[in-house]
Amino acid sequence: MNQPKASVGHSATRRDFLKQSGVTLTTAALASSLAPRSYAAEDNTIQVALVGCGGRGTGAAQNALSTSGPTKLVAMADVFDSRLQSSYKNLAGRFADQMDVPPERQFVGLDAFQKAIDCLGPNGVVILATPPAFRPRHLEYAVEQGRNVFMEKSFAVDAPGIRRVMAAGDEATKKNLKIAGGLMSRHSKPLEEAVARIHDGIIGEVITAWAYRAHGPVGFSPRAQDMSELAHQIRNYSCFTWVNGSFLLDWLIHNLDVCCWVKNAWPVSAQGQGGRQVRDAADQLFDHYAVEYHFPDGTRMFAQGRHMANCWGFFGDIIHGAKGSAVLGEGISDPKIYNGFQQTAQNQIWNYQGPGSNQYQVEWDLLMDAIRNDKPYNETARCAKAAMTGILGRMAAESGKLITWDDALASNLELAPGLDQFTWDSPAPVMPDENGKYPIGMPGFTNVL
């Protein structure tokens, strides 16, 4: 079977030498022998390692290499060699002078993240951009090794994973490590100002918030003949709940987070619904969600997620206050605030007038500034709570029950038990039946706690 294989790198000569010599090296010792020169205060270069070389990971690496001060990419890791090579080519085309990733520091496999992180010297930063099921272990390892972190959303897919992320964040604070999370909307200048205006009372007390993401179907690639079931599901991570945590979590997390930011609170419970009405791809993905969240003061947030063809679409947040409303959030580049609830031009009372900004770059500028100037910087707790909001909604929709935040966070139900020990020989956490169909949540019957 032509299966992705774990490897130290792509150098056949080096592997052959190790086999022929009969020398057994520990991972740590090998990584140490391959590691570039450690961070040196005299040249102020910050080393970067990329773990997860898909589009978002590659984009994060571009932002890291575009910050002020000398930076250098020194290691890359992915479970698929083709994706790593595509990312390397993309980055080398733009940042050739900042690339120092020879074949022996290009790692492939389920344990590749460890080898890439081990290449970093002190003050280095690792980009964690694999599917979110893997984030808890990857974050834990980075913190154990004393490395700064940029972690992409959605951070975890279940409550045990969220608790691990929170614990790693606490440990990072003790070690004075800097951690940024990929909820870039929090660093959008127009959105920051809009939220500040709402907090100052421009629309009165916030009464309701709606988070939307409605667009065409999520893509799916049929399983290749020479690919294992586990590799197939990781490649299609958006389509399997154990890998990405659901469409509601992984695709709506930004606007769920923005609504909670506007409300300045996290939900205490949720009830909702969802299912597969149109989708016929061989995966687990619900094609629609409708979840009602309850805040501590009794006000509510409604989340609507749908990915179907030929349907109404919208990507953003609608906020209603006691005397006005707002349209903002991820997907809305020009947030606006209105007097009353008819969102017309004549009722508009505010829109952003300042200079433009790239929120993806701003989040990296802030992280690198904190590293270079040793400022406290740790977004872990907020990121974990945003992800838990999505997980709570998924649990409510899949079960058909009203679920409290406390019960959801205390759940010990793992979507992929034993994931930390997986190898390419491990069975996938979910398997198709004789008709090629995968198990999906069944409201009224599925146990989520």
Protein backbone atom coordinates (compact mmCIF):
# COMPACT_ATOMS: atom_id res chain seq x y z
CA MET A 1 0.00 0.00 0.00
CA ASN A 2 1.35 3.41 -0.97
CA GLN A 3 0.89 4.89 2.47
CA PRO A 4 2.26 8.16 3.92
CA LYS A 5 5.16 7.08 6.10
CA ALA A 6 6.80 8.67 9.09
CA SER A 7 10.35 9.72 8.31
CA VAL A 8 13.19 11.78 9.65
CA GLY A 9 13.44 13.57 6.34
CA HIS A 10 13.73 12.90 2.63
CA SER A 11 17.38 11.98 2.49
CA ALA A 12 17.69 8.32 1.48
CA THR A 13 21.45 8.49 1.96
CA ARG A 14 21.10 9.46 5.61
CA ARG A 15 18.55 6.71 6.29
CA ASP A 16 20.76 4.14 4.58
CA PHE A 17 23.73 5.23 6.66
CA LEU A 18 21.80 4.83 9.89
CA LYS A 19 20.62 1.37 8.90
CA GLN A 20 24.03 0.22 7.75
CA SER A 21 25.83 1.51 10.81
CA GLY A 22 23.36 -0.12 13.18
CA VAL A 23 23.31 3.06 15.22
CA THR A 24 20.08 3.80 17.08
CA LEU A 25 19.49 7.41 17.91
CA THR A 26 16.74 8.75 20.10
CA THR A 27 14.43 11.31 18.55
CA ALA A 28 15.83 14.02 20.78
CA ALA A 29 19.43 13.20 19.94
CA LEU A 30 18.74 13.06 16.22
CA ALA A 31 16.83 16.33 16.31
CA SER A 32 19.69 17.92 18.20
CA SER A 33 22.17 16.79 15.58
CA LEU A 34 20.01 18.26 12.80
CA ALA A 35 18.95 21.44 14.55
CA PRO A 36 20.12 24.78 13.19
CA ARG A 37 22.16 27.11 15.33
CA SER A 38 20.14 28.08 18.38
CA TYR A 39 18.64 31.53 18.73
CA ALA A 40 21.40 34.00 19.33
CA ALA A 41 20.67 37.30 21.05
CA GLU A 42 23.39 39.05 19.06
CA ASP A 43 21.60 38.68 15.72
CA ASN A 44 18.03 38.65 17.14
CA THR A 45 16.84 36.04 14.64
CA ILE A 46 13.66 34.22 15.60
CA GLN A 47 13.46 30.69 14.28
CA VAL A 48 10.12 29.38 13.00
CA ALA A 49 8.92 25.81 12.51
CA LEU A 50 5.80 25.00 10.49
CA VAL A 51 3.69 22.01 11.57
CA GLY A 52 0.82 21.51 9.15
CA CYS A 53 1.65 22.67 5.63
CA GLY A 54 -1.81 23.22 4.17
CA GLY A 55 -3.10 26.55 2.96
CA ARG A 56 -3.65 28.05 6.40
CA GLY A 57 -0.29 26.87 7.73
CA THR A 58 1.51 28.21 4.67
CA GLY A 59 -0.31 31.52 5.05
CA ALA A 60 0.70 31.73 8.71
CA ALA A 61 4.32 31.08 7.77
CA GLN A 62 4.15 33.90 5.23
CA ASN A 63 2.87 36.24 7.95
CA ALA A 64 5.58 35.09 10.37
CA LEU A 65 8.30 35.78 7.81
CA SER A 66 6.78 39.20 7.06
CA THR A 67 7.11 40.57 10.60
CA SER A 68 9.64 43.18 11.67
CA GLY A 69 13.05 41.88 12.65
CA PRO A 70 15.01 38.89 11.34
CA THR A 71 13.08 35.62 11.09
CA LYS A 72 13.98 32.30 9.52
CA LEU A 73 11.95 29.17 8.75
CA VAL A 74 14.09 26.24 9.87
CA ALA A 75 11.82 23.18 9.87
CA MET A 76 8.59 21.90 8.29
CA ALA A 77 6.33 18.96 9.11
CA ASP A 78 3.20 17.37 7.69
CA VAL A 79 1.62 13.95 7.44
CA PHE A 80 1.65 14.18 3.63
CA ASP A 81 4.90 14.77 1.76
CA SER A 82 3.12 16.26 -1.26
CA ARG A 83 1.57 18.96 0.89
CA LEU A 84 4.89 19.77 2.54
CA GLN A 85 6.63 20.08 -0.83
CA SER A 86 3.90 22.33 -2.22
CA SER A 87 4.16 24.59 0.82
CA TYR A 88 7.96 24.67 0.61
CA LYS A 89 7.81 25.69 -3.05
CA ASN A 90 5.27 28.41 -2.30
CA LEU A 91 7.30 29.88 0.56
CA ALA A 92 10.67 29.58 -1.18
CA GLY A 93 9.31 31.58 -4.10
CA ARG A 94 8.69 34.58 -1.85
CA PHE A 95 11.06 34.20 1.09
CA ALA A 96 14.14 32.48 -0.32
CA ASP A 97 16.51 34.45 1.92
CA GLN A 98 14.56 33.44 5.04
CA MET A 99 14.28 29.74 4.24
CA ASP A 100 16.71 27.32 5.85
CA VAL A 101 14.82 24.03 5.53
CA PRO A 102 17.08 21.41 3.92
CA PRO A 103 15.65 17.91 3.31
CA GLU A 104 16.88 16.66 6.68
CA ARG A 105 14.61 19.23 8.39
CA GLN A 106 11.52 18.33 6.35
CA PHE A 107 9.61 15.78 8.39
CA VAL A 108 6.73 13.56 7.30
CA GLY A 109 4.48 11.40 9.47
CA LEU A 110 2.27 11.42 12.51
CA ASP A 111 5.29 12.08 14.75
CA ALA A 112 6.77 14.74 12.48
CA PHE A 113 5.57 17.56 14.73
CA GLN A 114 7.98 16.51 17.48
CA LYS A 115 10.96 16.51 15.15
CA ALA A 116 10.16 19.94 13.75
CA ILE A 117 9.68 21.45 17.22
CA ASP A 118 12.95 19.90 18.39
CA CYS A 119 14.77 21.86 15.68
CA LEU A 120 13.89 25.18 17.31
CA GLY A 121 16.29 26.97 19.58
CA PRO A 122 15.24 29.07 22.58
CA ASN A 123 12.81 31.89 21.69
CA GLY A 124 11.72 29.98 18.58
CA VAL A 125 8.06 29.80 17.61
CA VAL A 126 6.16 26.85 16.16
CA ILE A 127 3.13 27.23 13.93
CA LEU A 128 0.56 24.54 14.76
CA ALA A 129 -1.76 24.33 11.76
CA THR A 130 -2.75 20.67 11.55
CA PRO A 131 -6.44 19.67 11.86
CA PRO A 132 -7.69 20.60 15.35
CA ALA A 133 -7.95 17.03 16.66
CA PHE A 134 -4.15 17.03 16.89
CA ARG A 135 -3.79 20.46 18.51
CA PRO A 136 -3.88 19.45 22.20
CA ARG A 137 -0.94 17.05 21.93
CA HIS A 138 1.06 19.33 19.65
CA LEU A 139 0.53 22.29 21.97
CA GLU A 140 1.46 20.23 25.02
CA TYR A 141 4.71 19.12 23.40
CA ALA A 142 5.66 22.65 22.32
CA VAL A 143 5.10 23.95 25.85
CA GLU A 144 6.99 20.99 27.35
CA GLN A 145 9.93 21.91 25.12
CA GLY A 146 9.72 25.58 26.10
CA ARG A 147 8.77 26.98 22.69
CA ASN A 148 6.48 29.85 21.76
CA VAL A 149 3.39 28.94 19.76
CA PHE A 150 1.05 30.21 17.11
CA MET A 151 -1.89 27.79 17.00
CA GLU A 152 -4.59 27.83 14.36
CA LYS A 153 -8.23 27.38 15.22
CA SER A 154 -10.20 25.31 16.22
CA PHE A 155 -7.78 24.21 18.99
CA ALA A 156 -9.59 20.96 19.98
CA VAL A 157 -12.65 18.91 19.00
CA ASP A 158 -13.98 17.69 22.35
CA ALA A 159 -14.05 18.62 26.03
CA PRO A 160 -11.06 16.47 27.07
CA GLY A 161 -9.03 18.21 24.36
CA ILE A 162 -10.16 21.64 25.54
CA ARG A 163 -9.09 20.84 29.10
CA ARG A 164 -5.67 19.77 27.82
CA VAL A 165 -5.31 23.01 25.86
CA MET A 166 -6.24 25.07 28.92
CA ALA A 167 -3.74 23.20 31.08
CA ALA A 168 -1.00 23.71 28.49
CA GLY A 169 -1.85 27.41 28.40
CA ASP A 170 -1.49 27.64 32.17
CA GLU A 171 1.88 25.90 31.98
CA ALA A 172 2.98 28.30 29.23
CA THR A 173 2.23 31.24 31.51
CA LYS A 174 4.40 29.70 34.23
CA LYS A 175 7.23 29.32 31.71
CA ASN A 176 6.77 32.85 30.31
CA LEU A 177 6.04 31.45 26.85
CA LYS A 178 4.04 33.44 24.30
CA ILE A 179 1.00 31.84 22.66
CA ALA A 180 -1.19 33.33 19.96
CA GLY A 181 -4.37 31.75 18.58
CA GLY A 182 -5.72 32.04 15.06
CA LEU A 183 -8.91 33.94 15.89
CA MET A 184 -7.67 36.79 13.74
CA SER A 185 -10.97 38.71 13.86
CA ARG A 186 -9.96 39.84 17.35
CA HIS A 187 -7.16 41.79 15.65
CA SER A 188 -9.19 43.39 12.86
CA LYS A 189 -8.97 47.17 13.38
CA PRO A 190 -12.47 47.90 11.94
CA LEU A 191 -14.01 45.18 14.06
CA GLU A 192 -12.11 46.19 17.19
CA GLU A 193 -13.48 49.71 16.87
CA ALA A 194 -17.03 48.50 16.15
CA VAL A 195 -17.02 46.29 19.23
CA ALA A 196 -15.60 49.13 21.33
CA ARG A 197 -18.47 51.39 20.19
CA ILE A 198 -21.01 48.73 21.14
CA HIS A 199 -19.37 48.27 24.54
CA ASP A 200 -19.59 52.04 24.98
CA GLY A 201 -23.37 51.82 24.52
CA ILE A 202 -23.98 53.09 21.00
CA ILE A 203 -26.82 50.56 20.47
CA GLY A 204 -27.76 50.16 24.12
CA GLU A 205 -27.67 46.89 25.99
CA VAL A 206 -26.99 43.93 23.66
CA ILE A 207 -30.15 41.79 23.54
CA THR A 208 -29.51 39.19 20.84
CA ALA A 209 -26.67 38.06 18.58
CA TRP A 210 -26.78 35.94 15.42
CA ALA A 211 -23.76 34.13 14.00
CA TYR A 212 -24.11 32.98 10.38
CA ARG A 213 -22.14 30.96 7.90
CA ALA A 214 -24.19 29.85 4.91
CA HIS A 215 -22.63 29.02 1.54
CA GLY A 216 -22.07 26.20 -0.94
CA PRO A 217 -21.12 22.61 -0.06
CA VAL A 218 -17.86 21.71 1.68
CA GLY A 219 -15.60 19.82 -0.72
CA PHE A 220 -14.87 16.12 -0.48
CA SER A 221 -12.23 13.92 -2.17
CA PRO A 222 -13.01 10.22 -2.71
CA ARG A 223 -10.61 7.81 -1.10
CA ALA A 224 -7.64 7.00 -3.31
CA GLN A 225 -7.17 3.29 -3.99
CA ASP A 226 -3.73 3.17 -2.38
CA MET A 227 -4.66 5.29 0.68
CA SER A 228 -5.55 3.90 4.11
CA GLU A 229 -8.84 4.80 5.74
CA LEU A 230 -7.02 6.86 8.39
CA ALA A 231 -5.05 8.86 5.82
CA HIS A 232 -8.22 9.38 3.75
CA GLN A 233 -10.06 10.87 6.71
CA ILE A 234 -7.18 13.14 7.68
CA ARG A 235 -6.92 14.37 4.10
CA ASN A 236 -10.67 15.14 4.20
CA TYR A 237 -10.47 16.53 7.72
CA SER A 238 -13.33 19.01 7.21
CA CYS A 239 -15.68 16.09 6.58
CA PHE A 240 -15.08 13.91 9.65
CA THR A 241 -16.20 15.01 13.10
CA TRP A 242 -13.33 13.40 15.02
CA VAL A 243 -10.79 15.40 13.00
CA ASN A 244 -12.38 18.86 12.76
CA GLY A 245 -15.12 18.83 15.40
CA SER A 246 -18.00 19.61 12.99
CA PHE A 247 -18.91 22.36 10.54
CA LEU A 248 -20.43 24.34 13.42
CA LEU A 249 -17.14 24.40 15.30
CA ASP A 250 -14.47 24.62 12.64
CA TRP A 251 -16.29 26.90 10.18
CA LEU A 252 -18.38 29.11 12.50
CA ILE A 253 -15.87 29.55 15.31
CA HIS A 254 -14.86 33.08 14.28
CA ASN A 255 -18.38 34.45 14.32
CA LEU A 256 -19.34 32.56 17.45
CA ASP A 257 -16.30 34.16 19.07
CA VAL A 258 -17.20 37.62 17.78
CA CYS A 259 -20.74 37.38 19.19
CA CYS A 260 -19.36 36.36 22.59
CA TRP A 261 -16.85 39.21 22.37
CA VAL A 262 -19.64 41.68 21.66
CA LYS A 263 -21.69 40.27 24.52
CA ASN A 264 -18.59 40.09 26.74
CA ALA A 265 -19.72 36.68 27.98
CA TRP A 266 -19.60 32.97 27.20
CA PRO A 267 -22.79 30.89 26.97
CA VAL A 268 -24.02 28.82 29.89
CA SER A 269 -26.13 26.37 27.87
CA ALA A 270 -27.36 25.54 24.38
CA GLN A 271 -30.03 23.59 22.55
CA GLY A 272 -30.32 23.08 18.82
CA GLN A 273 -30.64 20.85 15.83
CA GLY A 274 -28.84 19.77 12.71
CA GLY A 275 -28.53 16.97 10.20
CA ARG A 276 -27.79 15.76 6.67
CA GLN A 277 -30.67 16.78 4.45
CA VAL A 278 -28.98 17.13 1.06
CA ARG A 279 -25.39 15.97 1.42
CA ASP A 280 -24.65 12.51 0.00
CA ALA A 281 -20.84 12.45 0.26
CA ALA A 282 -19.40 9.44 2.09
CA ASP A 283 -18.51 11.32 5.28
CA GLN A 284 -19.98 12.46 8.62
CA LEU A 285 -20.74 16.08 7.86
CA PHE A 286 -24.06 17.63 8.88
CA ASP A 287 -25.05 20.06 6.13
CA HIS A 288 -27.08 22.34 8.42
CA TYR A 289 -27.07 23.49 12.05
CA ALA A 290 -29.34 25.78 14.06
CA VAL A 291 -28.27 26.31 17.66
CA GLU A 292 -29.64 28.63 20.34
CA TYR A 293 -27.17 29.62 23.04
CA HIS A 294 -28.10 31.15 26.40
CA PHE A 295 -25.95 33.75 28.15
CA PRO A 296 -25.76 34.18 31.95
CA ASP A 297 -28.10 37.20 31.88
CA GLY A 298 -30.78 35.32 29.93
CA THR A 299 -30.08 36.90 26.54
CA ARG A 300 -29.43 34.62 23.59
CA MET A 301 -27.21 33.96 20.61
CA PHE A 302 -28.38 32.03 17.57
CA ALA A 303 -25.92 30.23 15.29
CA GLN A 304 -26.92 29.14 11.81
CA GLY A 305 -24.60 27.05 9.69
CA ARG A 306 -25.45 25.65 6.27
CA HIS A 307 -23.41 24.48 3.30
CA MET A 308 -25.81 23.64 0.48
CA ALA A 309 -25.96 24.64 -3.18
CA ASN A 310 -28.54 27.09 -4.51
CA CYS A 311 -29.52 28.48 -1.09
CA TRP A 312 -29.42 31.90 0.56
CA GLY A 313 -25.97 32.72 1.79
CA PHE A 314 -24.50 35.02 4.41
CA PHE A 315 -21.27 35.10 6.38
CA GLY A 316 -21.25 37.46 9.33
CA ASP A 317 -22.90 38.50 12.60
CA ILE A 318 -26.05 40.52 13.28
CA ILE A 319 -26.25 42.22 16.67
CA HIS A 320 -29.38 43.77 18.19
CA GLY A 321 -29.19 46.18 21.10
CA ALA A 322 -31.96 47.95 22.99
CA LYS A 323 -31.84 50.93 20.62
CA GLY A 324 -29.87 49.87 17.55
CA SER A 325 -28.15 47.12 15.61
CA ALA A 326 -24.89 46.20 13.91
CA VAL A 327 -23.61 44.08 11.03
CA LEU A 328 -20.08 42.86 11.63
CA GLY A 329 -17.91 39.80 12.17
CA GLU A 330 -15.81 37.51 10.02
CA GLY A 331 -16.98 37.84 6.42
CA ILE A 332 -17.92 41.52 6.90
CA SER A 333 -14.97 43.68 5.85
CA ASP A 334 -16.81 46.96 6.49
CA PRO A 335 -18.76 46.71 9.78
CA LYS A 336 -21.66 49.12 10.25
CA ILE A 337 -23.80 50.26 13.15
CA TYR A 338 -27.39 51.47 12.81
CA ASN A 339 -29.96 53.42 14.74
CA GLY A 340 -32.85 50.99 15.18
CA PHE A 341 -33.26 47.66 13.42
CA GLN A 342 -33.85 48.63 9.80
CA GLN A 343 -30.31 48.41 8.47
CA THR A 344 -30.60 51.04 5.75
CA ALA A 345 -28.22 53.76 4.64
CA GLN A 346 -30.31 56.50 6.23
CA ASN A 347 -30.22 54.69 9.60
CA GLN A 348 -26.45 54.13 9.58
CA ILE A 349 -24.73 55.94 12.44
CA TRP A 350 -21.20 54.52 12.26
CA ASN A 351 -18.74 52.78 10.02
CA TYR A 352 -14.97 52.48 10.23
CA GLN A 353 -13.01 55.45 8.86
CA GLY A 354 -9.47 54.50 9.84
CA PRO A 355 -6.63 52.96 7.84
CA GLY A 356 -6.93 49.42 6.59
CA SER A 357 -5.19 46.51 8.25
CA ASN A 358 -4.46 42.86 7.57
CA GLN A 359 -5.76 40.99 10.60
CA TYR A 360 -3.72 37.90 9.74
CA GLN A 361 -0.56 40.02 9.79
CA VAL A 362 -1.52 42.01 12.88
CA GLU A 363 -1.88 38.88 15.02
CA TRP A 364 1.64 37.87 14.03
CA ASP A 365 3.06 41.34 14.56
CA LEU A 366 1.71 41.31 18.11
CA LEU A 367 3.10 37.84 18.85
CA MET A 368 6.58 38.60 17.50
CA ASP A 369 6.67 41.91 19.36
CA ALA A 370 5.86 40.07 22.58
CA ILE A 371 8.63 37.54 21.92
CA ARG A 372 11.25 40.14 21.02
CA ASN A 373 10.39 42.44 23.93
CA ASP A 374 9.44 39.75 26.47
CA LYS A 375 5.89 40.99 27.00
CA PRO A 376 3.22 38.75 28.54
CA TYR A 377 1.17 37.25 25.72
CA ASN A 378 -1.09 34.23 26.00
CA GLU A 379 -4.42 33.91 24.15
CA THR A 380 -4.95 30.25 25.08
CA ALA A 381 -7.82 30.60 27.56
CA ARG A 382 -9.93 32.79 25.28
CA CYS A 383 -9.27 30.56 22.28
CA ALA A 384 -10.20 27.45 24.25
CA LYS A 385 -13.48 29.01 25.36
CA ALA A 386 -14.34 30.03 21.80
CA ALA A 387 -13.74 26.46 20.67
CA MET A 388 -15.78 25.14 23.60
CA THR A 389 -18.67 27.31 22.43
CA GLY A 390 -18.64 25.48 19.10
CA ILE A 391 -18.27 22.10 20.80
CA LEU A 392 -21.22 22.87 23.09
CA GLY A 393 -23.35 23.71 20.04
CA ARG A 394 -22.34 20.52 18.25
CA MET A 395 -23.17 18.46 21.32
CA ALA A 396 -26.59 20.10 21.63
CA ALA A 397 -27.42 19.62 17.95
CA GLU A 398 -26.22 16.03 17.73
CA SER A 399 -28.04 14.97 20.90
CA GLY A 400 -31.17 17.07 20.59
CA LYS A 401 -30.77 17.93 24.28
CA LEU A 402 -30.29 21.14 26.20
CA ILE A 403 -26.65 20.94 27.33
CA THR A 404 -25.06 23.17 29.95
CA TRP A 405 -21.57 24.58 29.53
CA ASP A 406 -20.44 22.98 32.78
CA ASP A 407 -21.71 19.52 31.81
CA ALA A 408 -20.20 19.82 28.34
CA LEU A 409 -16.80 20.92 29.65
CA ALA A 410 -16.78 18.11 32.22
CA SER A 411 -17.48 15.43 29.59
CA ASN A 412 -14.88 12.69 29.23
CA LEU A 413 -16.15 11.55 25.84
CA GLU A 414 -13.30 11.62 23.31
CA LEU A 415 -14.04 11.62 19.58
CA ALA A 416 -10.79 9.77 18.83
CA PRO A 417 -9.63 7.80 21.90
CA GLY A 418 -5.90 7.06 21.88
CA LEU A 419 -5.15 9.57 19.12
CA ASP A 420 -1.78 10.52 20.64
CA GLN A 421 -0.52 6.98 20.03
CA PHE A 422 -1.84 6.59 16.47
CA THR A 423 0.45 5.28 13.73
CA TRP A 424 -0.35 4.71 10.08
CA ASP A 425 -1.24 1.14 11.02
CA SER A 426 -3.95 2.30 13.43
CA PRO A 427 -7.59 1.90 12.42
CA ALA A 428 -9.50 5.11 11.80
CA PRO A 429 -11.69 6.25 14.71
CA VAL A 430 -14.80 5.79 12.54
CA MET A 431 -15.32 3.22 9.80
CA PRO A 432 -17.87 2.95 7.00
CA ASP A 433 -20.52 0.24 7.07
CA GLU A 434 -21.16 -2.28 4.28
CA ASN A 435 -22.89 0.48 2.29
CA GLY A 436 -19.98 2.89 2.64
CA LYS A 437 -21.83 5.13 5.13
CA TYR A 438 -20.25 6.53 8.28
CA PRO A 439 -21.91 6.95 11.68
CA ILE A 440 -23.47 10.36 12.23
CA GLY A 441 -25.14 12.07 15.16
CA MET A 442 -28.78 11.09 15.65
CA PRO A 443 -30.70 13.64 17.74
CA GLY A 444 -32.60 11.97 20.53
CA PHE A 445 -30.27 8.97 20.55
CA THR A 446 -26.64 10.13 20.35
CA ASN A 447 -24.83 10.33 23.68
CA VAL A 448 -22.53 13.36 23.79
CA LEU A 449 -21.66 13.37 27.50
